[in-house]
Amino acid sequence: ALMVPIAAVILRPAGKVVYIVENGVAHQRIITTGEQVDGKIEVLSGLVGDETITVNGAGFLTDGAPVSVANGQ
């Protein structure tokens, strides 16, 4: 199962979202979640699994916001 840190999942009017980073820009992605285990939550739909997602500060992001990736991760 695809799991992400709970801190990466943000509740917005559109539903539960994560922000993926592509070319230095955050993009909102609506997801469907499942079980929570050890600080992570299962993603049932909305992600493929190879995306770079934001965790720290995700709640402050908006769609299209410029971001930088720390530590090359």
PDB file of N, CA and C in Angstrom:
ATOM      1  N   ALA A   1       0.839  -1.190   0.000  1.00  0.00           N
ATOM      2  CA  ALA A   1       0.000   0.000   0.000  1.00  0.00           C
ATOM      3  C   ALA A   1       0.878   1.245   0.000  1.00  0.00           C
ATOM      4  N   LEU A   2       0.405   2.289  -0.641  1.00  0.00           N
ATOM      5  CA  LEU A   2       1.105   3.561  -0.670  1.00  0.00           C
ATOM      6  C   LEU A   2       0.789   4.314   0.617  1.00  0.00           C
ATOM      7  N   MET A   3       1.830   4.700   1.364  1.00  0.00           N
ATOM      8  CA  MET A   3       1.672   5.398   2.633  1.00  0.00           C
ATOM      9  C   MET A   3       2.422   6.721   2.578  1.00  0.00           C
ATOM     10  N   VAL A   4       1.852   7.763   3.203  1.00  0.00           N
ATOM     11  CA  VAL A   4       2.511   9.062   3.319  1.00  0.00           C
ATOM     12  C   VAL A   4       2.421   9.504   4.773  1.00  0.00           C
ATOM     13  N   PRO A   5       3.319  10.391   5.218  1.00  0.00           N
ATOM     14  CA  PRO A   5       3.210  10.910   6.578  1.00  0.00           C
ATOM     15  C   PRO A   5       1.875  11.641   6.768  1.00  0.00           C
ATOM     16  N   ILE A   6       1.256  11.448   7.921  1.00  0.00           N
ATOM     17  CA  ILE A   6      -0.023  12.108   8.205  1.00  0.00           C
ATOM     18  C   ILE A   6       0.104  13.623   8.054  1.00  0.00           C
ATOM     19  N   ALA A   7       1.256  14.187   8.418  1.00  0.00           N
ATOM     20  CA  ALA A   7       1.463  15.637   8.328  1.00  0.00           C
ATOM     21  C   ALA A   7       1.389  16.150   6.892  1.00  0.00           C
ATOM     22  N   ALA A   8       1.536  15.284   5.902  1.00  0.00           N
ATOM     23  CA  ALA A   8       1.485  15.704   4.504  1.00  0.00           C
ATOM     24  C   ALA A   8       0.051  15.875   4.008  1.00  0.00           C
ATOM     25  N   VAL A   9      -0.915  15.299   4.736  1.00  0.00           N
ATOM     26  CA  VAL A   9      -2.317  15.343   4.312  1.00  0.00           C
ATOM     27  C   VAL A   9      -3.000  16.541   4.958  1.00  0.00           C
ATOM     28  N   ILE A  10      -3.541  17.408   4.120  1.00  0.00           N
ATOM     29  CA  ILE A  10      -4.163  18.648   4.562  1.00  0.00           C
ATOM     30  C   ILE A  10      -5.643  18.624   4.185  1.00  0.00           C
ATOM     31  N   LEU A  11      -6.488  19.063   5.116  1.00  0.00           N
ATOM     32  CA  LEU A  11      -7.919  19.133   4.835  1.00  0.00           C
ATOM     33  C   LEU A  11      -8.244  20.498   4.242  1.00  0.00           C
ATOM     34  N   ARG A  12      -8.741  20.505   3.036  1.00  0.00           N
ATOM     35  CA  ARG A  12      -9.112  21.718   2.318  1.00  0.00           C
ATOM     36  C   ARG A  12     -10.598  21.613   1.934  1.00  0.00           C
ATOM     37  N   PRO A  13     -11.217  22.707   1.481  1.00  0.00           N
ATOM     38  CA  PRO A  13     -12.617  22.618   1.037  1.00  0.00           C
ATOM     39  C   PRO A  13     -12.834  21.543  -0.035  1.00  0.00           C
ATOM     40  N   ALA A  14     -11.818  21.287  -0.846  1.00  0.00           N
ATOM     41  CA  ALA A  14     -11.915  20.257  -1.890  1.00  0.00           C
ATOM     42  C   ALA A  14     -11.859  18.843  -1.327  1.00  0.00           C
ATOM     43  N   GLY A  15     -11.410  18.702  -0.077  1.00  0.00           N
ATOM     44  CA  GLY A  15     -11.254  17.397   0.559  1.00  0.00           C
ATOM     45  C   GLY A  15      -9.848  17.241   1.095  1.00  0.00           C
ATOM     46  N   LYS A  16      -9.420  16.010   1.261  1.00  0.00           N
ATOM     47  CA  LYS A  16      -8.055  15.733   1.723  1.00  0.00           C
ATOM     48  C   LYS A  16      -7.111  15.893   0.538  1.00  0.00           C
ATOM     49  N   VAL A  17      -6.043  16.665   0.753  1.00  0.00           N
ATOM     50  CA  VAL A  17      -5.090  16.903  -0.325  1.00  0.00           C
ATOM     51  C   VAL A  17      -3.665  16.732   0.179  1.00  0.00           C
ATOM     52  N   VAL A  18      -2.776  16.472  -0.755  1.00  0.00           N
ATOM     53  CA  VAL A  18      -1.337  16.587  -0.527  1.00  0.00           C
ATOM     54  C   VAL A  18      -0.832  17.539  -1.600  1.00  0.00           C
ATOM     55  N   TYR A  19       0.336  18.099  -1.353  1.00  0.00           N
ATOM     56  CA  TYR A  19       0.957  18.966  -2.352  1.00  0.00           C
ATOM     57  C   TYR A  19       2.158  18.240  -2.928  1.00  0.00           C
ATOM     58  N   ILE A  20       2.142  18.071  -4.243  1.00  0.00           N
ATOM     59  CA  ILE A  20       3.290  17.475  -4.917  1.00  0.00           C
ATOM     60  C   ILE A  20       4.136  18.604  -5.486  1.00  0.00           C
ATOM     61  N   VAL A  21       5.426  18.350  -5.622  1.00  0.00           N
ATOM     62  CA  VAL A  21       6.351  19.355  -6.131  1.00  0.00           C
ATOM     63  C   VAL A  21       6.834  18.930  -7.512  1.00  0.00           C
ATOM     64  N   GLU A  22       6.615  19.816  -8.477  1.00  0.00           N
ATOM     65  CA  GLU A  22       7.098  19.600  -9.844  1.00  0.00           C
ATOM     66  C   GLU A  22       7.752  20.885 -10.311  1.00  0.00           C
ATOM     67  N   ASN A  23       9.019  20.808 -10.664  1.00  0.00           N
ATOM     68  CA  ASN A  23       9.762  21.964 -11.182  1.00  0.00           C
ATOM     69  C   ASN A  23       9.677  23.178 -10.268  1.00  0.00           C
ATOM     70  N   GLY A  24       9.794  22.943  -8.951  1.00  0.00           N
ATOM     71  CA  GLY A  24       9.813  24.035  -7.991  1.00  0.00           C
ATOM     72  C   GLY A  24       8.469  24.667  -7.694  1.00  0.00           C
ATOM     73  N   VAL A  25       7.376  23.992  -8.087  1.00  0.00           N
ATOM     74  CA  VAL A  25       6.032  24.514  -7.863  1.00  0.00           C
ATOM     75  C   VAL A  25       5.189  23.447  -7.155  1.00  0.00           C
ATOM     76  N   ALA A  26       4.422  23.885  -6.132  1.00  0.00           N
ATOM     77  CA  ALA A  26       3.525  22.973  -5.416  1.00  0.00           C
ATOM     78  C   ALA A  26       2.205  22.862  -6.173  1.00  0.00           C
ATOM     79  N   HIS A  27       1.739  21.640  -6.327  1.00  0.00           N
ATOM     80  CA  HIS A  27       0.458  21.389  -6.993  1.00  0.00           C
ATOM     81  C   HIS A  27      -0.425  20.578  -6.051  1.00  0.00           C
ATOM     82  N   GLN A  28      -1.634  21.085  -5.822  1.00  0.00           N
ATOM     83  CA  GLN A  28      -2.582  20.390  -4.954  1.00  0.00           C
ATOM     84  C   GLN A  28      -3.089  19.132  -5.643  1.00  0.00           C
ATOM     85  N   ARG A  29      -3.114  18.038  -4.904  1.00  0.00           N
ATOM     86  CA  ARG A  29      -3.619  16.775  -5.442  1.00  0.00           C
ATOM     87  C   ARG A  29      -4.633  16.218  -4.446  1.00  0.00           C
ATOM     88  N   ILE A  30      -5.871  16.059  -4.862  1.00  0.00           N
ATOM     89  CA  ILE A  30      -6.914  15.489  -4.013  1.00  0.00           C
ATOM     90  C   ILE A  30      -6.684  13.995  -3.907  1.00  0.00           C
ATOM     91  N   ILE A  31      -6.765  13.478  -2.675  1.00  0.00           N
ATOM     92  CA  ILE A  31      -6.528  12.053  -2.449  1.00  0.00           C
ATOM     93  C   ILE A  31      -7.678  11.431  -1.661  1.00  0.00           C
ATOM     94  N   THR A  32      -7.744  10.124  -1.724  1.00  0.00           N
ATOM     95  CA  THR A  32      -8.639   9.336  -0.886  1.00  0.00           C
ATOM     96  C   THR A  32      -7.755   8.531   0.040  1.00  0.00           C
ATOM     97  N   THR A  33      -8.073   8.543   1.344  1.00  0.00           N
ATOM     98  CA  THR A  33      -7.219   7.882   2.316  1.00  0.00           C
ATOM     99  C   THR A  33      -7.895   6.660   2.925  1.00  0.00           C
ATOM    100  N   GLY A  34      -7.039   5.817   3.517  1.00  0.00           N
ATOM    101  CA  GLY A  34      -7.513   4.605   4.178  1.00  0.00           C
ATOM    102  C   GLY A  34      -7.021   4.558   5.616  1.00  0.00           C
ATOM    103  N   GLU A  35      -6.366   3.486   5.960  1.00  0.00           N
ATOM    104  CA  GLU A  35      -5.918   3.229   7.328  1.00  0.00           C
ATOM    105  C   GLU A  35      -4.738   4.108   7.734  1.00  0.00           C
ATOM    106  N   GLN A  36      -4.653   4.376   9.029  1.00  0.00           N
ATOM    107  CA  GLN A  36      -3.514   5.084   9.616  1.00  0.00           C
ATOM    108  C   GLN A  36      -2.701   4.093  10.449  1.00  0.00           C
ATOM    109  N   VAL A  37      -1.377   4.105  10.249  1.00  0.00           N
ATOM    110  CA  VAL A  37      -0.488   3.208  10.983  1.00  0.00           C
ATOM    111  C   VAL A  37       0.817   3.929  11.281  1.00  0.00           C
ATOM    112  N   ASP A  38       1.193   4.008  12.542  1.00  0.00           N
ATOM    113  CA  ASP A  38       2.496   4.543  12.960  1.00  0.00           C
ATOM    114  C   ASP A  38       2.841   5.891  12.332  1.00  0.00           C
ATOM    115  N   GLY A  39       1.919   6.848  12.381  1.00  0.00           N
ATOM    116  CA  GLY A  39       2.202   8.183  11.872  1.00  0.00           C
ATOM    117  C   GLY A  39       2.102   8.334  10.363  1.00  0.00           C
ATOM    118  N   LYS A  40       1.656   7.293   9.691  1.00  0.00           N
ATOM    119  CA  LYS A  40       1.483   7.339   8.234  1.00  0.00           C
ATOM    120  C   LYS A  40       0.033   7.013   7.909  1.00  0.00           C
ATOM    121  N   ILE A  41      -0.392   7.472   6.726  1.00  0.00           N
ATOM    122  CA  ILE A  41      -1.761   7.200   6.290  1.00  0.00           C
ATOM    123  C   ILE A  41      -1.734   6.608   4.884  1.00  0.00           C
ATOM    124  N   GLU A  42      -2.577   5.632   4.669  1.00  0.00           N
ATOM    125  CA  GLU A  42      -2.667   4.954   3.381  1.00  0.00           C
ATOM    126  C   GLU A  42      -3.359   5.857   2.363  1.00  0.00           C
ATOM    127  N   VAL A  43      -2.816   5.924   1.148  1.00  0.00           N
ATOM    128  CA  VAL A  43      -3.428   6.673   0.059  1.00  0.00           C
ATOM    129  C   VAL A  43      -4.033   5.671  -0.912  1.00  0.00           C
ATOM    130  N   LEU A  44      -5.362   5.697  -1.003  1.00  0.00           N
ATOM    131  CA  LEU A  44      -6.073   4.752  -1.858  1.00  0.00           C
ATOM    132  C   LEU A  44      -6.161   5.236  -3.301  1.00  0.00           C
ATOM    133  N   SER A  45      -6.233   6.559  -3.496  1.00  0.00           N
ATOM    134  CA  SER A  45      -6.275   7.102  -4.851  1.00  0.00           C
ATOM    135  C   SER A  45      -5.775   8.540  -4.833  1.00  0.00           C
ATOM    136  N   GLY A  46      -5.287   8.992  -5.985  1.00  0.00           N
ATOM    137  CA  GLY A  46      -4.828  10.360  -6.146  1.00  0.00           C
ATOM    138  C   GLY A  46      -3.329  10.495  -6.328  1.00  0.00           C
ATOM    139  N   LEU A  47      -2.571   9.473  -5.956  1.00  0.00           N
ATOM    140  CA  LEU A  47      -1.118   9.475  -6.142  1.00  0.00           C
ATOM    141  C   LEU A  47      -0.702   8.196  -6.850  1.00  0.00           C
ATOM    142  N   VAL A  48       0.375   8.297  -7.617  1.00  0.00           N
ATOM    143  CA  VAL A  48       0.937   7.130  -8.292  1.00  0.00           C
ATOM    144  C   VAL A  48       1.967   6.449  -7.394  1.00  0.00           C
ATOM    145  N   GLY A  49       2.763   7.269  -6.694  1.00  0.00           N
ATOM    146  CA  GLY A  49       3.770   6.717  -5.798  1.00  0.00           C
ATOM    147  C   GLY A  49       5.164   7.226  -6.060  1.00  0.00           C
ATOM    148  N   ASP A  50       5.380   7.851  -7.216  1.00  0.00           N
ATOM    149  CA  ASP A  50       6.722   8.356  -7.513  1.00  0.00           C
ATOM    150  C   ASP A  50       6.810   9.879  -7.387  1.00  0.00           C
ATOM    151  N   GLU A  51       5.753  10.521  -6.873  1.00  0.00           N
ATOM    152  CA  GLU A  51       5.738  11.969  -6.725  1.00  0.00           C
ATOM    153  C   GLU A  51       6.566  12.404  -5.514  1.00  0.00           C
ATOM    154  N   THR A  52       7.066  13.636  -5.570  1.00  0.00           N
ATOM    155  CA  THR A  52       7.694  14.272  -4.417  1.00  0.00           C
ATOM    156  C   THR A  52       6.605  15.069  -3.721  1.00  0.00           C
ATOM    157  N   ILE A  53       6.324  14.745  -2.469  1.00  0.00           N
ATOM    158  CA  ILE A  53       5.278  15.447  -1.738  1.00  0.00           C
ATOM    159  C   ILE A  53       5.888  16.313  -0.643  1.00  0.00           C
ATOM    160  N   THR A  54       5.145  17.339  -0.246  1.00  0.00           N
ATOM    161  CA  THR A  54       5.594  18.202   0.841  1.00  0.00           C
ATOM    162  C   THR A  54       5.085  17.649   2.161  1.00  0.00           C
ATOM    163  N   VAL A  55       5.876  17.864   3.217  1.00  0.00           N
ATOM    164  CA  VAL A  55       5.457  17.463   4.560  1.00  0.00           C
ATOM    165  C   VAL A  55       5.524  18.683   5.470  1.00  0.00           C
ATOM    166  N   ASN A  56       6.729  19.190   5.702  1.00  0.00           N
ATOM    167  CA  ASN A  56       6.894  20.354   6.571  1.00  0.00           C
ATOM    168  C   ASN A  56       6.333  21.595   5.897  1.00  0.00           C
ATOM    169  N   GLY A  57       5.388  22.252   6.553  1.00  0.00           N
ATOM    170  CA  GLY A  57       4.797  23.461   6.010  1.00  0.00           C
ATOM    171  C   GLY A  57       3.711  23.228   4.986  1.00  0.00           C
ATOM    172  N   ALA A  58       3.301  21.996   4.786  1.00  0.00           N
ATOM    173  CA  ALA A  58       2.292  21.696   3.766  1.00  0.00           C
ATOM    174  C   ALA A  58       0.999  22.456   4.014  1.00  0.00           C
ATOM    175  N   GLY A  59       0.649  22.668   5.269  1.00  0.00           N
ATOM    176  CA  GLY A  59      -0.586  23.371   5.601  1.00  0.00           C
ATOM    177  C   GLY A  59      -0.593  24.830   5.206  1.00  0.00           C
ATOM    178  N   PHE A  60       0.569  25.381   4.914  1.00  0.00           N
ATOM    179  CA  PHE A  60       0.678  26.789   4.534  1.00  0.00           C
ATOM    180  C   PHE A  60       0.729  26.991   3.021  1.00  0.00           C
ATOM    181  N   LEU A  61       0.745  25.903   2.271  1.00  0.00           N
ATOM    182  CA  LEU A  61       0.877  25.995   0.814  1.00  0.00           C
ATOM    183  C   LEU A  61      -0.461  26.239   0.132  1.00  0.00           C
ATOM    184  N   THR A  62      -0.379  26.781  -1.067  1.00  0.00           N
ATOM    185  CA  THR A  62      -1.517  26.892  -1.960  1.00  0.00           C
ATOM    186  C   THR A  62      -1.083  26.342  -3.316  1.00  0.00           C
ATOM    187  N   ASP A  63      -2.063  25.990  -4.116  1.00  0.00           N
ATOM    188  CA  ASP A  63      -1.764  25.447  -5.438  1.00  0.00           C
ATOM    189  C   ASP A  63      -1.011  26.483  -6.266  1.00  0.00           C
ATOM    190  N   GLY A  64       0.138  26.095  -6.827  1.00  0.00           N
ATOM    191  CA  GLY A  64       0.927  26.977  -7.657  1.00  0.00           C
ATOM    192  C   GLY A  64       1.998  27.747  -6.904  1.00  0.00           C
ATOM    193  N   ALA A  65       2.111  27.538  -5.589  1.00  0.00           N
ATOM    194  CA  ALA A  65       3.111  28.249  -4.796  1.00  0.00           C
ATOM    195  C   ALA A  65       4.518  27.765  -5.144  1.00  0.00           C
ATOM    196  N   PRO A  66       5.481  28.687  -5.229  1.00  0.00           N
ATOM    197  CA  PRO A  66       6.859  28.257  -5.473  1.00  0.00           C
ATOM    198  C   PRO A  66       7.418  27.600  -4.209  1.00  0.00           C
ATOM    199  N   VAL A  67       8.165  26.524  -4.393  1.00  0.00           N
ATOM    200  CA  VAL A  67       8.794  25.828  -3.258  1.00  0.00           C
ATOM    201  C   VAL A  67      10.210  25.436  -3.626  1.00  0.00           C
ATOM    202  N   SER A  68      11.026  25.205  -2.600  1.00  0.00           N
ATOM    203  CA  SER A  68      12.358  24.659  -2.824  1.00  0.00           C
ATOM    204  C   SER A  68      12.479  23.395  -2.005  1.00  0.00           C
ATOM    205  N   VAL A  69      13.202  22.433  -2.533  1.00  0.00           N
ATOM    206  CA  VAL A  69      13.367  21.141  -1.883  1.00  0.00           C
ATOM    207  C   VAL A  69      14.649  21.189  -1.056  1.00  0.00           C
ATOM    208  N   ALA A  70      14.538  20.894   0.237  1.00  0.00           N
ATOM    209  CA  ALA A  70      15.680  20.911   1.136  1.00  0.00           C
ATOM    210  C   ALA A  70      16.474  19.618   1.040  1.00  0.00           C
ATOM    211  N   ASN A  71      17.780  19.710   1.138  1.00  0.00           N
ATOM    212  CA  ASN A  71      18.666  18.543   1.192  1.00  0.00           C
ATOM    213  C   ASN A  71      18.582  17.643  -0.036  1.00  0.00           C
ATOM    214  N   GLY A  72      18.149  18.196  -1.164  1.00  0.00           N
ATOM    215  CA  GLY A  72      18.098  17.398  -2.387  1.00  0.00           C
ATOM    216  C   GLY A  72      17.116  16.257  -2.343  1.00  0.00           C
ATOM    217  N   GLN A  73      16.149  16.301  -1.460  1.00  0.00           N
ATOM    218  CA  GLN A  73      15.175  15.224  -1.320  1.00  0.00           C
ATOM    219  C   GLN A  73      13.865  15.599  -1.951  1.00  0.00           C
TER     220      GLN A  73
END
